[in-house]
């Protein structure tokens, strides 16, 4: 057995279980130099919806973990969809982006059980290219009859809904509460906007280059306009410029990780100084770190609940419904699930991620017709 094959076998042995994955596909197109990964995790509830991520360092492990998160997210939100994810190994700022996205779409033409959507590094325009190639995508531009979830801010809206419910449950007033947002992409921007409407002060945000801090509250509308021109948050002159990870230890009432996976691990979770974490990104905190945070009194609303506004919107679009339908579904579903996960944490004396996992497993196990041990 070749070394690469041996490593892949070990990977599957470590992460595969009775839920999946059903397929992991590596794609290479010598003509366009496309390199991509697709993980279709579980189809028990229906065709899989999951975003297409574009980043130079995306890995098979990351794509599979994100696909599993989508399986759980779709299930916990009562969607008739399985979970999948894909990754294009390229810089999203590349002048070849359209060429690569179109090549990727052609490569997945026959993977009809997978419906791609936007993710980090891709957007509505990217999905328009996919749809033009294969007629199958969600998160489309409005002109194509889609519900542009990034334009509407659906994922950030869902984070704010989770904040409404969780803050009431733990006795935290959102008015003048300080929020720190790690990552100021589509999710971070929308979360900031919707939290601002609730009286929250966003005191720090960052991007890959640096942190912006203002203890009195950042002028979020002005910052959104600035970054829309291509500017970096720390260069906006709307607060104090700091090193990128400086915000991880800032005191706050709300912390929203809205960037990459594994921001907090057992090694650095002690830095987090907040009351409530709303996971705007997928798998931003390792399970071990989350348990330590819970044990020291930090409340967490897990990703498969807090950031599910985007996939609820995508499923609503897939059914041919309206933006108003999507907002209503997000309010009802995320509100209900936030209440339920907190109820289970309190009554069953369990950890938030364990409670959320149990909530997601139940419909999947019913659909698979057997008890699955994870």
Foldseek 3Di string as FASTA:
>chain_A
DDPVVVVVVVVCVVPAFPQDFPDWDWDADVVLRKTKIKTRHHALLHQAEEAEAEEQPDDSVQQNLRQVLRQLLCQLLVHSHGGMYMYINDQLVDPCNLVNLLVVLVVCLVVVSYAYEHDHSDFQVSQVSSCVNRVGYALHDVVVVHDNCLVVLQLLLLLVLLVVQVCVVVVHQLAQFEEEEEADDSNNLSVLVSSVVSNHAHAWYAHPAWMFGDSVHFPSVQQVVVCVVVDGSLPSPRHHTGHNCPRQQDATAEYEYQDDAQCDEPVPLVSHHYAEYQHQHANNHPPVSQVVCVVVHHHYQHPSQRRSSVVLSRSCSVVSHDPVVSSVSSNVSSSVSSVQLVVCCVPVVDGSVVSSSVSSQVVSCVSVVHDTDD
